[in-house]
Amino acid sequence: MRKQTFNTGIIILSLFALLFAGTSCKSKQKLAAEQAAIAYAQKVDQAKKDLLEIINDDGSMTIEQKENRLNVIKGLNLDDQEVQDLIMRAEDVLAKLRKEKETKVVVETEEQKLAALKNAVLSNFRSVASAGTLTVANNNISNALKLFASEDIPVLIIISQENGMKDYDRPTTIIKYLEYLKDVKNFDVEIENMVLDNNRKITEIELIKK
């Protein structure tokens, strides 16, 4: 009888142990799920903050920094509609910034090319005016003419301007102007404006007295 009672006690203890183990296992699973949910919520919240920083940034981040941060967020594959909507907005912002950057580069490049051409023209004008011999002057004139569409393109020289109104000297052509520089051996103008053709040859030039 005592032995039977002992065995029954062992069985009851074993059942309690199994029940406790099962309950403990479920508690750990529940805790792990809760922790995973918290971690996920934190990722979602941080992603939203980062995306809003990208969207509302006033220039403190470079385009490359924004792209890198956006790619990290997209790599998280967060299944949250607000995050997905913000990702689309951030992509639109970056697309606009890239286009603006490309346009700016094109404008800067064109300005640099125009500045280089102006410097080349002025350098040629000076070389004609300062040539020591007739032969050198004629060679310099030939080099200068290579920048122009023809020998007969108009040269306009501003002698005064007021309230947007310009007063010009008598019109001349580039070949005549270069011959004039050769004769007077003096150069006292700056380039006010140039018109170029598709081959980047000058078709009209406007000079202004210094």
C-alpha atoms as a PDB file:
ATOM      1  CA  MET A   1       0.000   0.000   0.000  1.00  0.00           C
ATOM      2  CA  ARG A   2       2.836   2.350   0.924  1.00  0.00           C
ATOM      3  CA  LYS A   3       4.659   1.468  -2.275  1.00  0.00           C
ATOM      4  CA  GLN A   4       1.575   2.225  -4.355  1.00  0.00           C
ATOM      5  CA  THR A   5       1.187   5.600  -2.635  1.00  0.00           C
ATOM      6  CA  PHE A   6       4.853   6.382  -3.330  1.00  0.00           C
ATOM      7  CA  ASN A   7       4.461   5.560  -7.013  1.00  0.00           C
ATOM      8  CA  THR A   8       1.340   7.679  -7.218  1.00  0.00           C
ATOM      9  CA  GLY A   9       3.240  10.581  -5.695  1.00  0.00           C
ATOM     10  CA  ILE A  10       6.009  10.246  -8.257  1.00  0.00           C
ATOM     11  CA  ILE A  11       3.467  10.237 -11.063  1.00  0.00           C
ATOM     12  CA  ILE A  12       1.799  13.376  -9.694  1.00  0.00           C
ATOM     13  CA  LEU A  13       5.149  15.132  -9.319  1.00  0.00           C
ATOM     14  CA  SER A  14       6.074  14.148 -12.844  1.00  0.00           C
ATOM     15  CA  LEU A  15       2.798  15.552 -14.145  1.00  0.00           C
ATOM     16  CA  PHE A  16       3.402  18.801 -12.301  1.00  0.00           C
ATOM     17  CA  ALA A  17       6.935  18.943 -13.712  1.00  0.00           C
ATOM     18  CA  LEU A  18       5.651  18.429 -17.252  1.00  0.00           C
ATOM     19  CA  LEU A  19       2.922  20.997 -16.719  1.00  0.00           C
ATOM     20  CA  PHE A  20       5.429  23.506 -15.348  1.00  0.00           C
ATOM     21  CA  ALA A  21       7.859  22.835 -18.180  1.00  0.00           C
ATOM     22  CA  GLY A  22       5.098  23.346 -20.741  1.00  0.00           C
ATOM     23  CA  THR A  23       3.945  26.527 -19.060  1.00  0.00           C
ATOM     24  CA  SER A  24       7.553  27.755 -18.829  1.00  0.00           C
ATOM     25  CA  CYS A  25       8.135  26.992 -22.512  1.00  0.00           C
ATOM     26  CA  LYS A  26       4.979  28.870 -23.493  1.00  0.00           C
ATOM     27  CA  SER A  27       6.039  31.805 -21.316  1.00  0.00           C
ATOM     28  CA  LYS A  28       9.441  31.946 -23.004  1.00  0.00           C
ATOM     29  CA  GLN A  29       7.829  31.812 -26.438  1.00  0.00           C
ATOM     30  CA  LYS A  30       5.416  34.568 -25.468  1.00  0.00           C
ATOM     31  CA  LEU A  31       8.258  36.664 -24.077  1.00  0.00           C
ATOM     32  CA  ALA A  32      10.314  36.128 -27.225  1.00  0.00           C
ATOM     33  CA  ALA A  33       7.329  37.110 -29.377  1.00  0.00           C
ATOM     34  CA  GLU A  34       6.747  40.238 -27.312  1.00  0.00           C
ATOM     35  CA  GLN A  35      10.426  41.185 -27.534  1.00  0.00           C
ATOM     36  CA  ALA A  36      10.394  40.587 -31.305  1.00  0.00           C
ATOM     37  CA  ALA A  37       7.289  42.755 -31.624  1.00  0.00           C
ATOM     38  CA  ILE A  38       8.921  45.527 -29.608  1.00  0.00           C
ATOM     39  CA  ALA A  39      12.117  45.308 -31.693  1.00  0.00           C
ATOM     40  CA  TYR A  40      10.065  45.414 -34.916  1.00  0.00           C
ATOM     41  CA  ALA A  41       8.073  48.401 -33.707  1.00  0.00           C
ATOM     42  CA  GLN A  42      11.317  50.197 -32.864  1.00  0.00           C
ATOM     43  CA  LYS A  43      12.680  49.474 -36.359  1.00  0.00           C
ATOM     44  CA  VAL A  44       9.478  50.818 -37.914  1.00  0.00           C
ATOM     45  CA  ASP A  45       9.587  53.936 -35.765  1.00  0.00           C
ATOM     46  CA  GLN A  46      13.265  54.582 -36.542  1.00  0.00           C
ATOM     47  CA  ALA A  47      12.660  53.991 -40.243  1.00  0.00           C
ATOM     48  CA  LYS A  48       9.885  56.588 -40.252  1.00  0.00           C
ATOM     49  CA  LYS A  49      12.140  59.114 -38.509  1.00  0.00           C
ATOM     50  CA  ASP A  50      15.003  58.481 -40.947  1.00  0.00           C
ATOM     51  CA  LEU A  51      12.702  58.732 -43.966  1.00  0.00           C
ATOM     52  CA  LEU A  52      11.258  62.021 -42.747  1.00  0.00           C
ATOM     53  CA  GLU A  53      14.807  63.350 -42.285  1.00  0.00           C
ATOM     54  CA  ILE A  54      15.580  62.424 -45.882  1.00  0.00           C
ATOM     55  CA  ILE A  55      12.369  64.040 -47.142  1.00  0.00           C
ATOM     56  CA  ASN A  56      12.658  67.238 -45.078  1.00  0.00           C
ATOM     57  CA  ASP A  57      16.446  67.651 -45.155  1.00  0.00           C
ATOM     58  CA  ASP A  58      17.552  71.208 -45.961  1.00  0.00           C
ATOM     59  CA  GLY A  59      20.937  70.251 -47.365  1.00  0.00           C
ATOM     60  CA  SER A  60      22.783  68.928 -44.323  1.00  0.00           C
ATOM     61  CA  MET A  61      23.054  65.515 -46.024  1.00  0.00           C
ATOM     62  CA  THR A  62      24.526  64.795 -49.440  1.00  0.00           C
ATOM     63  CA  ILE A  63      22.503  62.947 -52.053  1.00  0.00           C
ATOM     64  CA  GLU A  64      24.789  59.943 -51.575  1.00  0.00           C
ATOM     65  CA  GLN A  65      24.172  59.907 -47.816  1.00  0.00           C
ATOM     66  CA  LYS A  66      20.422  60.046 -48.374  1.00  0.00           C
ATOM     67  CA  GLU A  67      20.575  57.244 -50.934  1.00  0.00           C
ATOM     68  CA  ASN A  68      22.614  55.043 -48.595  1.00  0.00           C
ATOM     69  CA  ARG A  69      20.202  55.595 -45.713  1.00  0.00           C
ATOM     70  CA  LEU A  70      17.210  54.908 -47.937  1.00  0.00           C
ATOM     71  CA  ASN A  71      18.760  51.676 -49.236  1.00  0.00           C
ATOM     72  CA  VAL A  72      19.353  50.481 -45.667  1.00  0.00           C
ATOM     73  CA  ILE A  73      15.702  51.111 -44.800  1.00  0.00           C
ATOM     74  CA  LYS A  74      14.474  49.371 -47.953  1.00  0.00           C
ATOM     75  CA  GLY A  75      16.703  46.406 -47.069  1.00  0.00           C
ATOM     76  CA  LEU A  76      14.789  45.939 -43.811  1.00  0.00           C
ATOM     77  CA  ASN A  77      11.692  44.919 -45.823  1.00  0.00           C
ATOM     78  CA  LEU A  78       9.354  46.408 -43.229  1.00  0.00           C
ATOM     79  CA  ASP A  79       5.730  45.440 -43.793  1.00  0.00           C
ATOM     80  CA  ASP A  80       4.293  48.785 -42.767  1.00  0.00           C
ATOM     81  CA  GLN A  81       2.181  50.877 -45.128  1.00  0.00           C
ATOM     82  CA  GLU A  82       3.300  54.215 -43.692  1.00  0.00           C
ATOM     83  CA  VAL A  83       6.934  53.216 -44.140  1.00  0.00           C
ATOM     84  CA  GLN A  84       6.259  52.170 -47.741  1.00  0.00           C
ATOM     85  CA  ASP A  85       4.527  55.489 -48.437  1.00  0.00           C
ATOM     86  CA  LEU A  86       7.451  57.405 -46.953  1.00  0.00           C
ATOM     87  CA  ILE A  87       9.896  55.368 -49.036  1.00  0.00           C
ATOM     88  CA  MET A  88       8.029  56.433 -52.182  1.00  0.00           C
ATOM     89  CA  ARG A  89       8.129  60.077 -51.090  1.00  0.00           C
ATOM     90  CA  ALA A  90      11.853  59.812 -50.325  1.00  0.00           C
ATOM     91  CA  GLU A  91      12.518  58.277 -53.746  1.00  0.00           C
ATOM     92  CA  ASP A  92      10.641  61.150 -55.404  1.00  0.00           C
ATOM     93  CA  VAL A  93      12.715  63.673 -53.436  1.00  0.00           C
ATOM     94  CA  LEU A  94      15.969  61.968 -54.437  1.00  0.00           C
ATOM     95  CA  ALA A  95      14.911  61.773 -58.086  1.00  0.00           C
ATOM     96  CA  LYS A  96      14.267  65.518 -58.082  1.00  0.00           C
ATOM     97  CA  LEU A  97      17.596  66.225 -56.375  1.00  0.00           C
ATOM     98  CA  ARG A  98      19.489  64.087 -58.893  1.00  0.00           C
ATOM     99  CA  LYS A  99      17.858  65.947 -61.788  1.00  0.00           C
ATOM    100  CA  GLU A 100      18.678  69.316 -60.225  1.00  0.00           C
ATOM    101  CA  LYS A 101      22.276  68.201 -59.705  1.00  0.00           C
ATOM    102  CA  GLU A 102      22.592  67.033 -63.311  1.00  0.00           C
ATOM    103  CA  THR A 103      21.131  70.321 -64.570  1.00  0.00           C
ATOM    104  CA  LYS A 104      23.500  72.289 -62.344  1.00  0.00           C
ATOM    105  CA  VAL A 105      26.488  70.333 -63.666  1.00  0.00           C
ATOM    106  CA  VAL A 106      25.407  70.991 -67.258  1.00  0.00           C
ATOM    107  CA  VAL A 107      24.977  74.716 -66.555  1.00  0.00           C
ATOM    108  CA  GLU A 108      28.321  74.925 -64.748  1.00  0.00           C
ATOM    109  CA  THR A 109      30.051  73.061 -67.579  1.00  0.00           C
ATOM    110  CA  GLU A 110      28.520  75.376 -70.181  1.00  0.00           C
ATOM    111  CA  GLU A 111      29.539  78.427 -68.155  1.00  0.00           C
ATOM    112  CA  GLN A 112      33.073  77.068 -67.856  1.00  0.00           C
ATOM    113  CA  LYS A 113      33.253  76.436 -71.596  1.00  0.00           C
ATOM    114  CA  LEU A 114      31.976  79.955 -72.326  1.00  0.00           C
ATOM    115  CA  ALA A 115      34.462  81.484 -69.884  1.00  0.00           C
ATOM    116  CA  ALA A 116      37.298  79.522 -71.508  1.00  0.00           C
ATOM    117  CA  LEU A 117      36.229  80.721 -74.952  1.00  0.00           C
ATOM    118  CA  LYS A 118      36.072  84.332 -73.767  1.00  0.00           C
ATOM    119  CA  ASN A 119      39.558  84.033 -72.313  1.00  0.00           C
ATOM    120  CA  ALA A 120      40.818  82.559 -75.583  1.00  0.00           C
ATOM    121  CA  VAL A 121      39.324  85.447 -77.583  1.00  0.00           C
ATOM    122  CA  LEU A 122      40.770  88.082 -75.265  1.00  0.00           C
ATOM    123  CA  SER A 123      44.155  86.367 -75.335  1.00  0.00           C
ATOM    124  CA  ASN A 124      44.126  86.399 -79.119  1.00  0.00           C
ATOM    125  CA  PHE A 125      43.123  90.057 -79.209  1.00  0.00           C
ATOM    126  CA  ARG A 126      46.012  90.924 -76.900  1.00  0.00           C
ATOM    127  CA  SER A 127      48.468  88.877 -78.922  1.00  0.00           C
ATOM    128  CA  VAL A 128      47.485  90.739 -82.100  1.00  0.00           C
ATOM    129  CA  ALA A 129      47.767  94.144 -80.409  1.00  0.00           C
ATOM    130  CA  SER A 130      51.119  93.326 -78.833  1.00  0.00           C
ATOM    131  CA  ALA A 131      52.752  91.565 -81.778  1.00  0.00           C
ATOM    132  CA  GLY A 132      56.311  92.724 -82.355  1.00  0.00           C
ATOM    133  CA  THR A 133      56.361  92.246 -86.095  1.00  0.00           C
ATOM    134  CA  LEU A 134      53.888  92.334 -88.969  1.00  0.00           C
ATOM    135  CA  THR A 135      54.397  88.626 -89.614  1.00  0.00           C
ATOM    136  CA  VAL A 136      53.645  87.708 -86.009  1.00  0.00           C
ATOM    137  CA  ALA A 137      50.583  89.971 -85.996  1.00  0.00           C
ATOM    138  CA  ASN A 138      49.215  88.342 -89.163  1.00  0.00           C
ATOM    139  CA  ASN A 139      49.797  84.873 -87.736  1.00  0.00           C
ATOM    140  CA  ASN A 140      48.008  85.893 -84.554  1.00  0.00           C
ATOM    141  CA  ILE A 141      45.093  87.230 -86.606  1.00  0.00           C
ATOM    142  CA  SER A 142      44.819  83.873 -88.396  1.00  0.00           C
ATOM    143  CA  ASN A 143      44.735  82.059 -85.068  1.00  0.00           C
ATOM    144  CA  ALA A 144      42.112  84.446 -83.693  1.00  0.00           C
ATOM    145  CA  LEU A 145      39.853  83.962 -86.718  1.00  0.00           C
ATOM    146  CA  LYS A 146      39.660  80.214 -86.011  1.00  0.00           C
ATOM    147  CA  LEU A 147      37.335  81.048 -83.096  1.00  0.00           C
ATOM    148  CA  PHE A 148      34.841  82.820 -85.353  1.00  0.00           C
ATOM    149  CA  ALA A 149      32.335  81.481 -87.896  1.00  0.00           C
ATOM    150  CA  SER A 150      33.712  83.787 -90.607  1.00  0.00           C
ATOM    151  CA  GLU A 151      35.803  86.920 -91.146  1.00  0.00           C
ATOM    152  CA  ASP A 152      32.661  88.986 -91.610  1.00  0.00           C
ATOM    153  CA  ILE A 153      30.819  88.338 -88.360  1.00  0.00           C
ATOM    154  CA  PRO A 154      29.677  91.616 -86.747  1.00  0.00           C
ATOM    155  CA  VAL A 155      31.594  93.239 -83.908  1.00  0.00           C
ATOM    156  CA  LEU A 156      29.596  95.672 -81.777  1.00  0.00           C
ATOM    157  CA  ILE A 157      31.486  97.977 -79.445  1.00  0.00           C
ATOM    158  CA  ILE A 158      29.567  99.622 -76.605  1.00  0.00           C
ATOM    159  CA  ILE A 159      30.836 103.105 -75.876  1.00  0.00           C
ATOM    160  CA  SER A 160      28.209 103.927 -73.214  1.00  0.00           C
ATOM    161  CA  GLN A 161      25.082 102.497 -71.602  1.00  0.00           C
ATOM    162  CA  GLU A 162      22.461 103.883 -69.252  1.00  0.00           C
ATOM    163  CA  ASN A 163      19.192 102.457 -67.929  1.00  0.00           C
ATOM    164  CA  GLY A 164      19.626  99.393 -70.110  1.00  0.00           C
ATOM    165  CA  MET A 165      20.141 101.487 -73.243  1.00  0.00           C
ATOM    166  CA  LYS A 166      23.401 100.920 -75.130  1.00  0.00           C
ATOM    167  CA  ASP A 167      25.219 103.329 -77.405  1.00  0.00           C
ATOM    168  CA  TYR A 168      27.469 101.598 -79.943  1.00  0.00           C
ATOM    169  CA  ASP A 169      30.485 102.698 -81.915  1.00  0.00           C
ATOM    170  CA  ARG A 170      30.288 102.276 -85.673  1.00  0.00           C
ATOM    171  CA  PRO A 171      29.688  98.563 -86.475  1.00  0.00           C
ATOM    172  CA  THR A 172      32.616  96.625 -87.890  1.00  0.00           C
ATOM    173  CA  THR A 173      33.610  93.036 -88.657  1.00  0.00           C
ATOM    174  CA  ILE A 174      36.015  90.757 -86.846  1.00  0.00           C
ATOM    175  CA  ILE A 175      38.651  90.870 -89.581  1.00  0.00           C
ATOM    176  CA  LYS A 176      38.539  94.681 -89.653  1.00  0.00           C
ATOM    177  CA  TYR A 177      38.679  94.836 -85.866  1.00  0.00           C
ATOM    178  CA  LEU A 178      41.724  92.561 -85.746  1.00  0.00           C
ATOM    179  CA  GLU A 179      43.440  94.662 -88.406  1.00  0.00           C
ATOM    180  CA  TYR A 180      42.607  97.710 -86.307  1.00  0.00           C
ATOM    181  CA  LEU A 181      44.262  96.118 -83.245  1.00  0.00           C
ATOM    182  CA  LYS A 182      47.323  95.341 -85.351  1.00  0.00           C
ATOM    183  CA  ASP A 183      47.603  98.968 -86.413  1.00  0.00           C
ATOM    184  CA  VAL A 184      46.886 100.778 -83.118  1.00  0.00           C
ATOM    185  CA  LYS A 185      48.728  98.178 -80.969  1.00  0.00           C
ATOM    186  CA  ASN A 186      46.304  98.799 -78.156  1.00  0.00           C
ATOM    187  CA  PHE A 187      43.576  96.692 -76.593  1.00  0.00           C
ATOM    188  CA  ASP A 188      41.130  98.352 -74.196  1.00  0.00           C
ATOM    189  CA  VAL A 189      37.846  96.397 -74.279  1.00  0.00           C
ATOM    190  CA  GLU A 190      36.185  93.482 -72.504  1.00  0.00           C
ATOM    191  CA  ILE A 191      33.690  90.974 -73.889  1.00  0.00           C
ATOM    192  CA  GLU A 192      30.105  91.862 -72.974  1.00  0.00           C
ATOM    193  CA  ASN A 193      28.359  89.098 -74.921  1.00  0.00           C
ATOM    194  CA  MET A 194      28.920  86.435 -77.573  1.00  0.00           C
ATOM    195  CA  VAL A 195      26.593  84.463 -79.830  1.00  0.00           C
ATOM    196  CA  LEU A 196      27.678  80.963 -80.867  1.00  0.00           C
ATOM    197  CA  ASP A 197      26.533  78.586 -83.574  1.00  0.00           C
ATOM    198  CA  ASN A 198      26.099  74.810 -83.201  1.00  0.00           C
ATOM    199  CA  ASN A 199      29.818  74.323 -83.804  1.00  0.00           C
ATOM    200  CA  ARG A 200      30.628  76.712 -80.941  1.00  0.00           C
ATOM    201  CA  LYS A 201      31.982  79.246 -83.405  1.00  0.00           C
ATOM    202  CA  ILE A 202      31.301  82.919 -82.621  1.00  0.00           C
ATOM    203  CA  THR A 203      28.715  84.467 -84.942  1.00  0.00           C
ATOM    204  CA  GLU A 204      28.447  87.816 -83.141  1.00  0.00           C
ATOM    205  CA  ILE A 205      30.480  89.510 -80.448  1.00  0.00           C
ATOM    206  CA  GLU A 206      29.702  92.537 -78.304  1.00  0.00           C
ATOM    207  CA  LEU A 207      32.603  94.417 -76.712  1.00  0.00           C
ATOM    208  CA  ILE A 208      32.615  97.196 -74.124  1.00  0.00           C
ATOM    209  CA  LYS A 209      35.197  99.867 -73.436  1.00  0.00           C
ATOM    210  CA  LYS A 210      37.062  99.374 -70.175  1.00  0.00           C
END
